[in-house]
Amino acid sequence: MLRKPWHHGSAHQDPALLRSAHPRLALVSVGKDNPYGHPAARTVEALRAGGAVVLRTDLDGAIAVTGSGPGLRAVGRS
């Protein structure tokens, strides 16, 4: 079964993909109180365990990303 990586933080993620990607930032576009339960707690935990800063539109509002390379930054509106 082909899984969509990073799909709104769903629970159906490939742990090996998360580990191999080594993301520094994870931006989850998700509506507040969505009926799908996104993002899944285990996905957010896996991202954070790998060192990623996780920002979510349902909690952080609009997210701005600036910079590049080591200077890449993301800031939520709220």
C-alpha atoms as a PDB file:
ATOM      1  CA  MET A   1       0.000   0.000   0.000  1.00  0.00           C
ATOM      2  CA  LEU A   2       1.378   3.394  -0.989  1.00  0.00           C
ATOM      3  CA  ARG A   3       1.195   5.902   1.836  1.00  0.00           C
ATOM      4  CA  LYS A   4       1.081   9.642   1.364  1.00  0.00           C
ATOM      5  CA  PRO A   5       3.993  11.121   3.304  1.00  0.00           C
ATOM      6  CA  TRP A   6       3.192  13.976   5.630  1.00  0.00           C
ATOM      7  CA  HIS A   7      -0.543  13.996   4.825  1.00  0.00           C
ATOM      8  CA  HIS A   8      -1.743  16.593   7.351  1.00  0.00           C
ATOM      9  CA  GLY A   9       0.124  14.687  10.047  1.00  0.00           C
ATOM     10  CA  SER A  10      -1.991  11.558   9.672  1.00  0.00           C
ATOM     11  CA  ALA A  11      -1.149   8.420  11.631  1.00  0.00           C
ATOM     12  CA  HIS A  12      -0.339   6.589   8.385  1.00  0.00           C
ATOM     13  CA  GLN A  13       3.302   7.609   8.079  1.00  0.00           C
ATOM     14  CA  ASP A  14       6.306   5.492   7.221  1.00  0.00           C
ATOM     15  CA  PRO A  15       8.586   5.744  10.283  1.00  0.00           C
ATOM     16  CA  ALA A  16      11.644   5.013   8.125  1.00  0.00           C
ATOM     17  CA  LEU A  17      10.760   7.972   5.889  1.00  0.00           C
ATOM     18  CA  LEU A  18      10.428  10.271   8.895  1.00  0.00           C
ATOM     19  CA  ARG A  19      13.807   9.119  10.231  1.00  0.00           C
ATOM     20  CA  SER A  20      15.613   9.326   6.895  1.00  0.00           C
ATOM     21  CA  ALA A  21      14.277  12.793   6.050  1.00  0.00           C
ATOM     22  CA  HIS A  22      15.746  14.364   9.223  1.00  0.00           C
ATOM     23  CA  PRO A  23      13.371  17.364   9.002  1.00  0.00           C
ATOM     24  CA  ARG A  24      14.270  20.467  10.986  1.00  0.00           C
ATOM     25  CA  LEU A  25      10.817  21.946  10.451  1.00  0.00           C
ATOM     26  CA  ALA A  26       7.460  20.235  10.093  1.00  0.00           C
ATOM     27  CA  LEU A  27       4.549  22.435   9.042  1.00  0.00           C
ATOM     28  CA  VAL A  28       1.154  20.806   9.443  1.00  0.00           C
ATOM     29  CA  SER A  29      -1.731  22.446   7.617  1.00  0.00           C
ATOM     30  CA  VAL A  30      -4.809  21.289   9.484  1.00  0.00           C
ATOM     31  CA  GLY A  31      -8.173  22.696  10.474  1.00  0.00           C
ATOM     32  CA  LYS A  32      -9.168  23.054  14.104  1.00  0.00           C
ATOM     33  CA  ASP A  33     -11.365  20.190  15.366  1.00  0.00           C
ATOM     34  CA  ASN A  34     -11.159  18.378  12.019  1.00  0.00           C
ATOM     35  CA  PRO A  35     -13.082  15.074  11.905  1.00  0.00           C
ATOM     36  CA  TYR A  36      -9.969  13.083  10.918  1.00  0.00           C
ATOM     37  CA  GLY A  37      -8.049  13.662  14.133  1.00  0.00           C
ATOM     38  CA  HIS A  38      -5.120  15.214  12.292  1.00  0.00           C
ATOM     39  CA  PRO A  39      -2.399  15.584  13.213  1.00  0.00           C
ATOM     40  CA  ALA A  40      -1.901  12.233  14.917  1.00  0.00           C
ATOM     41  CA  ALA A  41      -0.085  12.513  18.234  1.00  0.00           C
ATOM     42  CA  ARG A  42       2.311   9.699  17.309  1.00  0.00           C
ATOM     43  CA  THR A  43       3.295  11.461  14.097  1.00  0.00           C
ATOM     44  CA  VAL A  44       3.946  14.758  15.898  1.00  0.00           C
ATOM     45  CA  GLU A  45       5.906  12.885  18.574  1.00  0.00           C
ATOM     46  CA  ALA A  46       7.991  11.072  15.926  1.00  0.00           C
ATOM     47  CA  LEU A  47       8.802  14.364  14.199  1.00  0.00           C
ATOM     48  CA  ARG A  48       9.810  16.020  17.460  1.00  0.00           C
ATOM     49  CA  ALA A  49      11.840  12.962  18.528  1.00  0.00           C
ATOM     50  CA  GLY A  50      13.802  13.349  15.300  1.00  0.00           C
ATOM     51  CA  GLY A  51      14.581  16.970  16.184  1.00  0.00           C
ATOM     52  CA  ALA A  52      11.955  18.763  14.100  1.00  0.00           C
ATOM     53  CA  VAL A  53      10.196  21.911  15.261  1.00  0.00           C
ATOM     54  CA  VAL A  54       6.502  21.243  14.617  1.00  0.00           C
ATOM     55  CA  LEU A  55       4.139  24.122  13.804  1.00  0.00           C
ATOM     56  CA  ARG A  56       0.434  23.540  13.172  1.00  0.00           C
ATOM     57  CA  THR A  57      -2.009  25.917  11.539  1.00  0.00           C
ATOM     58  CA  ASP A  58      -4.765  24.919  13.981  1.00  0.00           C
ATOM     59  CA  LEU A  59      -2.624  26.044  16.941  1.00  0.00           C
ATOM     60  CA  ASP A  60      -0.110  28.464  15.437  1.00  0.00           C
ATOM     61  CA  GLY A  61      -2.252  30.180  12.799  1.00  0.00           C
ATOM     62  CA  ALA A  62      -0.704  31.248   9.501  1.00  0.00           C
ATOM     63  CA  ILE A  63       2.931  30.183   9.295  1.00  0.00           C
ATOM     64  CA  ALA A  64       5.657  32.252   7.624  1.00  0.00           C
ATOM     65  CA  VAL A  65       8.885  30.599   6.490  1.00  0.00           C
ATOM     66  CA  THR A  66      11.961  32.741   5.876  1.00  0.00           C
ATOM     67  CA  GLY A  67      15.629  32.216   5.126  1.00  0.00           C
ATOM     68  CA  SER A  68      17.384  29.247   3.604  1.00  0.00           C
ATOM     69  CA  GLY A  69      19.787  26.500   4.578  1.00  0.00           C
ATOM     70  CA  PRO A  70      20.887  26.809   8.197  1.00  0.00           C
ATOM     71  CA  GLY A  71      19.038  30.150   8.448  1.00  0.00           C
ATOM     72  CA  LEU A  72      15.631  28.645   7.665  1.00  0.00           C
ATOM     73  CA  ARG A  73      13.017  29.808  10.186  1.00  0.00           C
ATOM     74  CA  ALA A  74       9.275  29.369  10.604  1.00  0.00           C
ATOM     75  CA  VAL A  75       7.022  31.549  12.732  1.00  0.00           C
ATOM     76  CA  GLY A  76       3.344  31.138  13.523  1.00  0.00           C
ATOM     77  CA  ARG A  77       0.955  34.058  13.663  1.00  0.00           C
ATOM     78  CA  SER A  78      -0.486  33.337  17.115  1.00  0.00           C
END
